[in-house]
Amino acid sequence: AVVSTQSTGRAMWLYMYPHFCYVLVRYFPFHNRRPIRLLLICLAVAMIIPQIAIMADPKSERSCPKNLLDMLVVLVVLTVAMTCFSITFLIMEPVSDLIKLSFHAFGGVVAIYQFVMMGKSFGDGSVSNCHVTVPTLWYYFLFLAVIGTICFIFYLVLVPFWLWNRYRRDSLYNNATRQGIFWPVVQCCGCLWHI
């Protein structure tokens, strides 16, 4: 089926964007973060606009065996949560451990959503004509699949290092003592480590 080959990572960008905001805003001097904060907040809010526009499109109500409209409704809810986390990470300094924990729980929900969508796409094995019946919705999810797959691969590569650093406490990276194998790399590019 055409949809099943393109659905592997359509949701991981929801977890990646707040992570990106958290890291990027801290590259700027503390007293001069207002412009980048405003830009990133506008981008986060703007991510909801195409989803609402596609939901309002009468063509989106047509029948599609993959239930793309239902998936879009859940995606809108997750995008609102992503926007809230992004704004929180941009404004709060320092970010409390409870918010970080809830963000990682949100990442778990996003991963479950992603795997459910993969199961729906791979599960029935039928050839879908959603790209004909609901083209706007279909191409939007295709776009999200490309972005999400890139984010999924990024996290797939980093998770073993995060777990190793957790298992062997601070062996790969320790921010407090500025030691570890990855300290020079993370010093140059903080996006390689987690929140």
N, C-alpha and C. Protein backbone atom coordinates (compact mmCIF):
# COMPACT_ATOMS: atom_id res chain seq x y z
N ALA A 1 0.84 -1.18 0.00
CA ALA A 1 0.00 0.00 0.00
C ALA A 1 0.88 1.23 0.00
N VAL A 2 0.41 2.26 -0.62
CA VAL A 2 1.20 3.49 -0.73
C VAL A 2 1.36 4.15 0.63
N VAL A 3 0.30 4.19 1.44
CA VAL A 3 0.38 4.86 2.73
C VAL A 3 1.33 4.14 3.67
N SER A 4 1.41 2.84 3.61
CA SER A 4 2.23 2.11 4.57
C SER A 4 3.72 2.36 4.39
N THR A 5 4.15 2.71 3.22
CA THR A 5 5.57 2.97 3.03
C THR A 5 5.97 4.37 3.49
N GLN A 6 5.01 5.22 3.79
CA GLN A 6 5.32 6.60 4.11
C GLN A 6 4.95 6.99 5.54
N SER A 7 4.59 6.04 6.40
CA SER A 7 4.02 6.42 7.68
C SER A 7 4.92 6.12 8.88
N THR A 8 6.17 5.86 8.68
CA THR A 8 7.00 5.37 9.76
C THR A 8 7.24 6.37 10.88
N GLY A 9 7.27 7.65 10.62
CA GLY A 9 7.65 8.56 11.70
C GLY A 9 6.92 9.87 11.69
N ARG A 10 5.63 9.86 11.43
CA ARG A 10 4.96 11.13 11.22
C ARG A 10 4.75 11.94 12.49
N ALA A 11 4.94 11.38 13.67
CA ALA A 11 4.64 12.12 14.89
C ALA A 11 5.86 12.58 15.66
N MET A 12 7.02 12.07 15.38
CA MET A 12 8.19 12.38 16.21
C MET A 12 8.59 13.85 16.18
N TRP A 13 8.16 14.59 15.18
CA TRP A 13 8.48 16.02 15.16
C TRP A 13 7.80 16.74 16.31
N LEU A 14 6.70 16.18 16.83
CA LEU A 14 6.01 16.78 17.97
C LEU A 14 6.89 16.78 19.22
N TYR A 15 7.76 15.81 19.33
CA TYR A 15 8.69 15.72 20.45
C TYR A 15 9.97 16.50 20.14
N MET A 16 10.32 16.56 18.87
CA MET A 16 11.57 17.19 18.46
C MET A 16 11.51 18.73 18.56
N TYR A 17 10.37 19.32 18.22
CA TYR A 17 10.31 20.78 18.19
C TYR A 17 10.52 21.42 19.56
N PRO A 18 9.84 20.97 20.64
CA PRO A 18 10.15 21.57 21.95
C PRO A 18 11.60 21.35 22.37
N HIS A 19 12.14 20.19 22.05
CA HIS A 19 13.55 19.91 22.32
C HIS A 19 14.42 20.94 21.60
N PHE A 20 14.12 21.17 20.34
CA PHE A 20 14.83 22.15 19.52
C PHE A 20 14.73 23.55 20.14
N CYS A 21 13.52 23.93 20.58
CA CYS A 21 13.33 25.25 21.20
C CYS A 21 14.15 25.39 22.48
N TYR A 22 14.13 24.35 23.30
CA TYR A 22 14.88 24.37 24.56
C TYR A 22 16.36 24.62 24.31
N VAL A 23 16.92 23.92 23.33
CA VAL A 23 18.35 24.03 23.06
C VAL A 23 18.68 25.34 22.36
N LEU A 24 17.92 25.69 21.34
CA LEU A 24 18.24 26.86 20.53
C LEU A 24 18.20 28.16 21.33
N VAL A 25 17.19 28.33 22.16
CA VAL A 25 17.06 29.60 22.88
C VAL A 25 18.23 29.81 23.84
N ARG A 26 18.84 28.74 24.31
CA ARG A 26 19.96 28.87 25.24
C ARG A 26 21.30 29.18 24.57
N TYR A 27 21.30 29.17 23.25
CA TYR A 27 22.50 29.61 22.52
C TYR A 27 22.62 31.14 22.49
N PHE A 28 21.52 31.83 22.76
CA PHE A 28 21.51 33.28 22.72
C PHE A 28 21.79 33.84 24.10
N PRO A 29 22.39 35.04 24.16
CA PRO A 29 22.66 35.66 25.47
C PRO A 29 21.36 35.84 26.25
N PHE A 30 21.45 35.67 27.55
CA PHE A 30 20.26 35.69 28.40
C PHE A 30 19.45 36.98 28.24
N HIS A 31 20.11 38.10 28.12
CA HIS A 31 19.42 39.40 28.04
C HIS A 31 18.87 39.70 26.65
N ASN A 32 19.20 38.85 25.65
CA ASN A 32 18.77 39.13 24.28
C ASN A 32 18.04 37.93 23.64
N ARG A 33 17.16 37.30 24.40
CA ARG A 33 16.47 36.13 23.90
C ARG A 33 15.05 36.43 23.40
N ARG A 34 14.59 37.63 23.58
CA ARG A 34 13.21 37.96 23.21
C ARG A 34 12.92 37.73 21.72
N PRO A 35 13.76 38.18 20.77
CA PRO A 35 13.43 37.95 19.36
C PRO A 35 13.33 36.48 18.97
N ILE A 36 14.27 35.66 19.45
CA ILE A 36 14.23 34.24 19.09
C ILE A 36 13.05 33.56 19.77
N ARG A 37 12.72 33.99 20.97
CA ARG A 37 11.55 33.43 21.65
C ARG A 37 10.27 33.74 20.86
N LEU A 38 10.13 34.97 20.44
CA LEU A 38 8.93 35.35 19.67
C LEU A 38 8.85 34.59 18.35
N LEU A 39 9.97 34.43 17.68
CA LEU A 39 9.98 33.70 16.41
C LEU A 39 9.58 32.24 16.62
N LEU A 40 10.15 31.58 17.62
CA LEU A 40 9.85 30.17 17.86
C LEU A 40 8.42 29.97 18.35
N ILE A 41 7.90 30.91 19.14
CA ILE A 41 6.49 30.82 19.56
C ILE A 41 5.57 30.98 18.36
N CYS A 42 5.87 31.92 17.48
CA CYS A 42 5.05 32.10 16.27
C CYS A 42 5.10 30.84 15.39
N LEU A 43 6.27 30.24 15.25
CA LEU A 43 6.37 29.00 14.47
C LEU A 43 5.56 27.87 15.10
N ALA A 44 5.61 27.76 16.43
CA ALA A 44 4.86 26.71 17.11
C ALA A 44 3.36 26.89 16.92
N VAL A 45 2.89 28.13 17.06
CA VAL A 45 1.46 28.40 16.87
C VAL A 45 1.07 28.21 15.40
N ALA A 46 1.97 28.56 14.49
CA ALA A 46 1.68 28.43 13.06
C ALA A 46 1.55 26.97 12.62
N MET A 47 2.10 26.05 13.39
CA MET A 47 2.00 24.63 13.01
C MET A 47 0.57 24.10 13.11
N ILE A 48 -0.27 24.78 13.87
CA ILE A 48 -1.65 24.34 14.02
C ILE A 48 -2.50 24.82 12.83
N ILE A 49 -2.12 25.91 12.20
CA ILE A 49 -2.92 26.51 11.14
C ILE A 49 -3.19 25.56 9.97
N PRO A 50 -2.17 24.88 9.40
CA PRO A 50 -2.49 23.98 8.29
C PRO A 50 -3.39 22.82 8.71
N GLN A 51 -3.25 22.37 9.94
CA GLN A 51 -4.09 21.27 10.41
C GLN A 51 -5.55 21.70 10.49
N ILE A 52 -5.80 22.90 11.01
CA ILE A 52 -7.17 23.42 11.09
C ILE A 52 -7.71 23.66 9.68
N ALA A 53 -6.87 24.19 8.79
CA ALA A 53 -7.32 24.45 7.41
C ALA A 53 -7.69 23.14 6.70
N ILE A 54 -6.92 22.11 6.92
CA ILE A 54 -7.22 20.82 6.29
C ILE A 54 -8.49 20.22 6.89
N MET A 55 -8.69 20.38 8.20
CA MET A 55 -9.92 19.88 8.81
C MET A 55 -11.14 20.63 8.29
N ALA A 56 -10.98 21.91 7.99
CA ALA A 56 -12.10 22.72 7.49
C ALA A 56 -12.39 22.46 6.01
N ASP A 57 -11.45 21.87 5.29
CA ASP A 57 -11.64 21.59 3.87
C ASP A 57 -12.72 20.53 3.69
N PRO A 58 -13.74 20.81 2.87
CA PRO A 58 -14.82 19.83 2.67
C PRO A 58 -14.32 18.50 2.07
N LYS A 59 -13.24 18.52 1.33
CA LYS A 59 -12.71 17.28 0.75
C LYS A 59 -12.20 16.32 1.82
N SER A 60 -11.84 16.85 2.98
CA SER A 60 -11.30 16.00 4.05
C SER A 60 -12.37 15.09 4.66
N GLU A 61 -13.65 15.39 4.41
CA GLU A 61 -14.73 14.58 4.97
C GLU A 61 -15.02 13.34 4.14
N ARG A 62 -14.40 13.23 2.99
CA ARG A 62 -14.64 12.06 2.14
C ARG A 62 -14.14 10.79 2.79
N SER A 63 -14.63 9.70 2.31
CA SER A 63 -14.28 8.40 2.86
C SER A 63 -12.84 8.02 2.50
N CYS A 64 -12.15 7.49 3.48
CA CYS A 64 -10.80 6.99 3.29
C CYS A 64 -10.62 5.80 4.22
N PRO A 65 -10.22 4.65 3.69
CA PRO A 65 -10.08 3.46 4.54
C PRO A 65 -9.07 3.62 5.68
N LYS A 66 -8.17 4.56 5.59
CA LYS A 66 -7.14 4.72 6.61
C LYS A 66 -7.55 5.65 7.75
N ASN A 67 -8.75 6.22 7.71
CA ASN A 67 -9.24 7.13 8.76
C ASN A 67 -8.27 8.27 9.02
N LEU A 68 -7.84 8.92 7.98
CA LEU A 68 -6.87 10.01 8.13
C LEU A 68 -7.43 11.20 8.89
N LEU A 69 -8.73 11.45 8.77
CA LEU A 69 -9.33 12.57 9.48
C LEU A 69 -9.28 12.34 10.99
N ASP A 70 -9.54 11.11 11.42
CA ASP A 70 -9.43 10.79 12.85
C ASP A 70 -8.00 10.99 13.35
N MET A 71 -7.05 10.58 12.54
CA MET A 71 -5.65 10.75 12.90
C MET A 71 -5.30 12.23 12.99
N LEU A 72 -5.90 13.04 12.12
CA LEU A 72 -5.63 14.48 12.14
C LEU A 72 -6.18 15.13 13.41
N VAL A 73 -7.33 14.69 13.87
CA VAL A 73 -7.90 15.25 15.10
C VAL A 73 -6.96 15.00 16.28
N VAL A 74 -6.47 13.78 16.39
CA VAL A 74 -5.52 13.45 17.47
C VAL A 74 -4.24 14.27 17.30
N LEU A 75 -3.81 14.44 16.05
CA LEU A 75 -2.61 15.22 15.78
C LEU A 75 -2.77 16.68 16.21
N VAL A 76 -3.95 17.24 16.03
CA VAL A 76 -4.20 18.62 16.46
C VAL A 76 -4.07 18.72 17.97
N VAL A 77 -4.62 17.77 18.70
CA VAL A 77 -4.51 17.77 20.17
C VAL A 77 -3.05 17.68 20.59
N LEU A 78 -2.31 16.77 19.96
CA LEU A 78 -0.88 16.63 20.29
C LEU A 78 -0.09 17.87 19.90
N THR A 79 -0.47 18.52 18.83
CA THR A 79 0.22 19.75 18.41
C THR A 79 -0.03 20.88 19.40
N VAL A 80 -1.23 20.96 19.94
CA VAL A 80 -1.50 21.97 20.98
C VAL A 80 -0.63 21.70 22.20
N ALA A 81 -0.51 20.44 22.60
CA ALA A 81 0.36 20.09 23.73
C ALA A 81 1.82 20.43 23.41
N MET A 82 2.24 20.15 22.17
CA MET A 82 3.60 20.47 21.74
C MET A 82 3.84 21.98 21.81
N THR A 83 2.86 22.75 21.41
CA THR A 83 2.99 24.21 21.46
C THR A 83 3.12 24.68 22.90
N CYS A 84 2.36 24.09 23.80
CA CYS A 84 2.45 24.47 25.23
C CYS A 84 3.82 24.14 25.80
N PHE A 85 4.35 22.97 25.48
CA PHE A 85 5.69 22.62 25.95
C PHE A 85 6.74 23.55 25.34
N SER A 86 6.60 23.87 24.07
CA SER A 86 7.56 24.77 23.42
C SER A 86 7.58 26.13 24.10
N ILE A 87 6.40 26.69 24.35
CA ILE A 87 6.33 28.00 25.00
C ILE A 87 6.89 27.93 26.41
N THR A 88 6.59 26.85 27.12
CA THR A 88 7.12 26.68 28.47
C THR A 88 8.64 26.63 28.46
N PHE A 89 9.22 25.85 27.54
CA PHE A 89 10.68 25.75 27.48
C PHE A 89 11.33 27.06 27.04
N LEU A 90 10.62 27.85 26.28
CA LEU A 90 11.18 29.12 25.83
C LEU A 90 11.15 30.17 26.93
N ILE A 91 10.16 30.12 27.79
CA ILE A 91 9.97 31.18 28.78
C ILE A 91 10.61 30.83 30.13
N MET A 92 10.47 29.59 30.57
CA MET A 92 10.97 29.21 31.90
C MET A 92 12.47 29.00 31.91
N GLU A 93 13.12 29.57 32.89
CA GLU A 93 14.54 29.31 33.12
C GLU A 93 14.79 29.38 34.61
N PRO A 94 15.22 28.35 35.22
CA PRO A 94 15.40 27.00 34.72
C PRO A 94 14.05 26.27 34.64
N VAL A 95 14.01 25.22 33.87
CA VAL A 95 12.81 24.40 33.72
C VAL A 95 12.81 23.38 34.85
N SER A 96 11.67 23.28 35.53
CA SER A 96 11.59 22.37 36.68
C SER A 96 11.64 20.91 36.23
N ASP A 97 12.04 20.06 37.14
CA ASP A 97 12.13 18.63 36.84
C ASP A 97 10.76 18.03 36.55
N LEU A 98 9.72 18.53 37.20
CA LEU A 98 8.37 18.03 36.95
C LEU A 98 7.94 18.30 35.51
N ILE A 99 8.26 19.47 34.99
CA ILE A 99 7.92 19.79 33.60
C ILE A 99 8.74 18.94 32.65
N LYS A 100 10.02 18.74 32.96
CA LYS A 100 10.84 17.86 32.12
C LYS A 100 10.29 16.44 32.11
N LEU A 101 9.88 15.95 33.27
CA LEU A 101 9.31 14.62 33.36
C LEU A 101 8.01 14.51 32.56
N SER A 102 7.17 15.53 32.68
CA SER A 102 5.92 15.51 31.92
C SER A 102 6.19 15.61 30.42
N PHE A 103 7.24 16.32 30.04
CA PHE A 103 7.61 16.39 28.62
C PHE A 103 8.03 15.01 28.10
N HIS A 104 8.80 14.28 28.89
CA HIS A 104 9.21 12.95 28.46
C HIS A 104 8.02 11.99 28.44
N ALA A 105 7.06 12.18 29.34
CA ALA A 105 5.82 11.40 29.28
C ALA A 105 5.05 11.73 28.00
N PHE A 106 5.03 13.00 27.64
CA PHE A 106 4.43 13.42 26.37
C PHE A 106 5.15 12.74 25.20
N GLY A 107 6.46 12.64 25.28
CA GLY A 107 7.22 11.94 24.24
C GLY A 107 6.80 10.48 24.14
N GLY A 108 6.49 9.86 25.27
CA GLY A 108 5.99 8.50 25.26
C GLY A 108 4.63 8.40 24.59
N VAL A 109 3.76 9.37 24.87
CA VAL A 109 2.44 9.40 24.21
C VAL A 109 2.60 9.59 22.71
N VAL A 110 3.51 10.47 22.31
CA VAL A 110 3.76 10.70 20.88
C VAL A 110 4.28 9.42 20.23
N ALA A 111 5.17 8.72 20.91
CA ALA A 111 5.69 7.46 20.35
C ALA A 111 4.59 6.42 20.22
N ILE A 112 3.70 6.33 21.21
CA ILE A 112 2.57 5.40 21.12
C ILE A 112 1.67 5.78 19.95
N TYR A 113 1.39 7.07 19.82
CA TYR A 113 0.57 7.54 18.68
C TYR A 113 1.23 7.15 17.36
N GLN A 114 2.52 7.34 17.28
CA GLN A 114 3.24 7.00 16.06
C GLN A 114 3.12 5.52 15.75
N PHE A 115 3.32 4.68 16.75
CA PHE A 115 3.27 3.24 16.51
C PHE A 115 1.85 2.76 16.19
N VAL A 116 0.83 3.40 16.79
CA VAL A 116 -0.55 3.07 16.43
C VAL A 116 -0.81 3.42 14.97
N MET A 117 -0.32 4.58 14.56
CA MET A 117 -0.51 4.99 13.16
C MET A 117 0.25 4.06 12.21
N MET A 118 1.42 3.62 12.62
CA MET A 118 2.15 2.66 11.80
C MET A 118 1.38 1.35 11.70
N GLY A 119 0.79 0.91 12.82
CA GLY A 119 0.00 -0.31 12.82
C GLY A 119 -1.23 -0.20 11.93
N LYS A 120 -1.88 0.97 11.97
CA LYS A 120 -3.05 1.17 11.10
C LYS A 120 -2.63 1.16 9.64
N SER A 121 -1.46 1.70 9.37
CA SER A 121 -1.01 1.78 7.99
C SER A 121 -0.55 0.43 7.46
N PHE A 122 0.17 -0.32 8.31
CA PHE A 122 0.71 -1.60 7.87
C PHE A 122 -0.29 -2.74 8.06
N GLY A 123 -1.20 -2.58 9.05
CA GLY A 123 -2.02 -3.67 9.49
C GLY A 123 -2.98 -4.29 8.49
N ASP A 124 -3.70 -3.48 7.70
CA ASP A 124 -4.73 -4.08 6.87
C ASP A 124 -4.22 -4.61 5.54
N GLY A 125 -3.10 -4.14 5.09
CA GLY A 125 -2.49 -4.66 3.87
C GLY A 125 -3.22 -4.31 2.59
N SER A 126 -4.30 -3.58 2.69
CA SER A 126 -5.04 -3.23 1.48
C SER A 126 -4.44 -2.02 0.81
N VAL A 127 -4.64 -1.93 -0.47
CA VAL A 127 -4.17 -0.77 -1.21
C VAL A 127 -5.21 0.34 -1.02
N SER A 128 -4.76 1.47 -0.52
CA SER A 128 -5.66 2.57 -0.22
C SER A 128 -5.67 3.58 -1.35
N ASN A 129 -6.83 4.18 -1.56
CA ASN A 129 -6.92 5.25 -2.55
C ASN A 129 -7.11 6.60 -1.87
N CYS A 130 -6.58 6.76 -0.69
CA CYS A 130 -6.72 8.01 0.06
C CYS A 130 -6.08 9.18 -0.68
N HIS A 131 -5.03 8.92 -1.43
CA HIS A 131 -4.39 10.00 -2.18
C HIS A 131 -5.29 10.55 -3.28
N VAL A 132 -6.33 9.79 -3.65
CA VAL A 132 -7.30 10.26 -4.64
C VAL A 132 -8.51 10.90 -3.96
N THR A 133 -9.00 10.27 -2.89
CA THR A 133 -10.23 10.77 -2.25
C THR A 133 -9.99 11.98 -1.36
N VAL A 134 -8.89 12.01 -0.63
CA VAL A 134 -8.57 13.14 0.26
C VAL A 134 -7.14 13.61 0.00
N PRO A 135 -6.89 14.24 -1.16
CA PRO A 135 -5.50 14.55 -1.53
C PRO A 135 -4.78 15.51 -0.58
N THR A 136 -5.46 16.54 -0.09
CA THR A 136 -4.80 17.50 0.80
C THR A 136 -4.36 16.83 2.09
N LEU A 137 -5.26 16.07 2.65
CA LEU A 137 -4.95 15.36 3.88
C LEU A 137 -3.85 14.32 3.65
N TRP A 138 -3.92 13.64 2.54
CA TRP A 138 -2.93 12.62 2.20
C TRP A 138 -1.53 13.23 2.07
N TYR A 139 -1.42 14.32 1.31
CA TYR A 139 -0.10 14.93 1.10
C TYR A 139 0.42 15.60 2.36
N TYR A 140 -0.46 16.08 3.21
CA TYR A 140 -0.01 16.63 4.49
C TYR A 140 0.62 15.53 5.35
N PHE A 141 -0.03 14.38 5.42
CA PHE A 141 0.54 13.27 6.18
C PHE A 141 1.81 12.73 5.53
N LEU A 142 1.90 12.80 4.24
CA LEU A 142 3.12 12.39 3.54
C LEU A 142 4.28 13.32 3.93
N PHE A 143 4.01 14.63 3.96
CA PHE A 143 5.00 15.62 4.40
C PHE A 143 5.43 15.34 5.84
N LEU A 144 4.45 15.08 6.71
CA LEU A 144 4.77 14.78 8.11
C LEU A 144 5.56 13.49 8.24
N ALA A 145 5.32 12.55 7.36
CA ALA A 145 6.06 11.29 7.40
C ALA A 145 7.54 11.52 7.13
N VAL A 146 7.85 12.39 6.19
CA VAL A 146 9.26 12.67 5.87
C VAL A 146 9.93 13.37 7.06
N ILE A 147 9.28 14.41 7.59
CA ILE A 147 9.84 15.15 8.73
C ILE A 147 9.95 14.22 9.95
N GLY A 148 8.90 13.47 10.20
CA GLY A 148 8.89 12.57 11.35
C GLY A 148 9.92 11.47 11.27
N THR A 149 10.17 10.96 10.07
CA THR A 149 11.17 9.91 9.92
C THR A 149 12.57 10.44 10.23
N ILE A 150 12.85 11.65 9.82
CA ILE A 150 14.14 12.27 10.14
C ILE A 150 14.30 12.41 11.65
N CYS A 151 13.25 12.88 12.32
CA CYS A 151 13.29 13.03 13.78
C CYS A 151 13.41 11.67 14.47
N PHE A 152 12.69 10.69 13.96
CA PHE A 152 12.73 9.34 14.53
C PHE A 152 14.14 8.76 14.46
N ILE A 153 14.79 8.93 13.32
CA ILE A 153 16.17 8.42 13.16
C ILE A 153 17.12 9.15 14.12
N PHE A 154 16.93 10.46 14.27
CA PHE A 154 17.75 11.24 15.20
C PHE A 154 17.66 10.65 16.61
N TYR A 155 16.44 10.40 17.09
CA TYR A 155 16.27 9.85 18.43
C TYR A 155 16.69 8.39 18.50
N LEU A 156 16.49 7.65 17.45
CA LEU A 156 16.90 6.25 17.43
C LEU A 156 18.41 6.12 17.61
N VAL A 157 19.15 7.06 17.04
CA VAL A 157 20.61 7.05 17.18
C VAL A 157 21.02 7.49 18.59
N LEU A 158 20.32 8.45 19.18
CA LEU A 158 20.75 8.99 20.47
C LEU A 158 20.29 8.20 21.69
N VAL A 159 19.16 7.52 21.60
CA VAL A 159 18.63 6.83 22.77
C VAL A 159 19.61 5.85 23.41
N PRO A 160 20.34 5.03 22.65
CA PRO A 160 21.31 4.14 23.32
C PRO A 160 22.36 4.90 24.14
N PHE A 161 22.79 6.05 23.65
CA PHE A 161 23.77 6.83 24.40
C PHE A 161 23.15 7.41 25.67
N TRP A 162 21.91 7.87 25.59
CA TRP A 162 21.22 8.39 26.77
C TRP A 162 21.07 7.29 27.82
N LEU A 163 20.67 6.10 27.37
CA LEU A 163 20.48 4.99 28.31
C LEU A 163 21.81 4.55 28.91
N TRP A 164 22.85 4.50 28.10
CA TRP A 164 24.17 4.13 28.62
C TRP A 164 24.62 5.13 29.68
N ASN A 165 24.42 6.40 29.43
CA ASN A 165 24.82 7.44 30.37
C ASN A 165 24.00 7.34 31.66
N ARG A 166 22.79 6.86 31.56
CA ARG A 166 21.94 6.67 32.73
C ARG A 166 22.39 5.43 33.52
N TYR A 167 22.72 4.37 32.78
CA TYR A 167 23.14 3.11 33.40
C TYR A 167 24.52 3.25 34.05
N ARG A 168 25.46 3.82 33.33
CA ARG A 168 26.81 4.11 33.85
C ARG A 168 26.84 5.60 34.15
N ARG A 169 26.37 5.98 35.26
CA ARG A 169 26.12 7.36 35.65
C ARG A 169 27.20 8.32 35.17
N ASP A 170 26.82 9.21 34.27
CA ASP A 170 27.65 10.32 33.78
C ASP A 170 28.95 9.88 33.12
N SER A 171 29.00 8.68 32.58
CA SER A 171 30.23 8.22 31.93
C SER A 171 30.43 8.85 30.55
N LEU A 172 29.33 9.15 29.87
CA LEU A 172 29.44 9.74 28.54
C LEU A 172 29.37 11.26 28.58
N TYR A 173 28.56 11.78 29.51
CA TYR A 173 28.38 13.23 29.57
C TYR A 173 27.96 13.63 30.98
N ASN A 174 28.72 14.55 31.56
CA ASN A 174 28.38 15.09 32.86
C ASN A 174 28.51 16.60 32.78
N ASN A 175 27.38 17.26 32.80
CA ASN A 175 27.38 18.72 32.63
C ASN A 175 27.96 19.42 33.86
N ALA A 176 27.73 18.87 35.03
CA ALA A 176 28.20 19.53 36.26
C ALA A 176 29.72 19.57 36.34
N THR A 177 30.38 18.45 36.04
CA THR A 177 31.83 18.41 36.14
C THR A 177 32.51 18.70 34.80
N ARG A 178 31.72 18.84 33.77
CA ARG A 178 32.23 19.09 32.41
C ARG A 178 33.22 18.02 31.98
N GLN A 179 32.79 16.78 32.18
CA GLN A 179 33.61 15.64 31.81
C GLN A 179 32.78 14.63 31.05
N GLY A 180 33.45 13.67 30.48
CA GLY A 180 32.79 12.60 29.75
C GLY A 180 33.26 12.58 28.30
N ILE A 181 33.06 11.44 27.68
CA ILE A 181 33.51 11.27 26.30
C ILE A 181 32.84 12.28 25.37
N PHE A 182 31.56 12.57 25.60
CA PHE A 182 30.82 13.45 24.70
C PHE A 182 30.84 14.91 25.11
N TRP A 183 31.56 15.27 26.17
CA TRP A 183 31.54 16.67 26.60
C TRP A 183 31.97 17.64 25.50
N PRO A 184 33.08 17.40 24.77
CA PRO A 184 33.46 18.35 23.71
C PRO A 184 32.41 18.46 22.60
N VAL A 185 31.78 17.35 22.26
CA VAL A 185 30.78 17.38 21.19
C VAL A 185 29.54 18.14 21.63
N VAL A 186 29.06 17.85 22.83
CA VAL A 186 27.85 18.50 23.32
C VAL A 186 28.11 19.97 23.60
N GLN A 187 29.34 20.32 23.95
CA GLN A 187 29.69 21.72 24.18
C GLN A 187 29.50 22.52 22.89
N CYS A 188 29.82 21.92 21.76
CA CYS A 188 29.67 22.60 20.47
C CYS A 188 28.25 22.56 19.95
N CYS A 189 27.55 21.46 20.20
CA CYS A 189 26.20 21.29 19.66
C CYS A 189 25.32 20.67 20.74
N GLY A 190 24.68 21.51 21.53
CA GLY A 190 23.88 21.05 22.64
C GLY A 190 22.66 20.25 22.24
N CYS A 191 22.24 20.35 20.98
CA CYS A 191 21.05 19.62 20.54
C CYS A 191 21.29 18.12 20.53
N LEU A 192 22.54 17.69 20.68
CA LEU A 192 22.83 16.26 20.68
C LEU A 192 22.54 15.60 22.02
N TRP A 193 22.21 16.38 23.02
CA TRP A 193 21.87 15.80 24.30
C TRP A 193 20.44 16.17 24.64
N HIS A 194 19.88 15.54 25.62
CA HIS A 194 18.47 15.74 25.90
C HIS A 194 18.25 16.81 26.96
N ILE A 195 16.98 17.10 27.15
CA ILE A 195 16.57 18.15 28.08
C ILE A 195 16.73 17.64 29.49
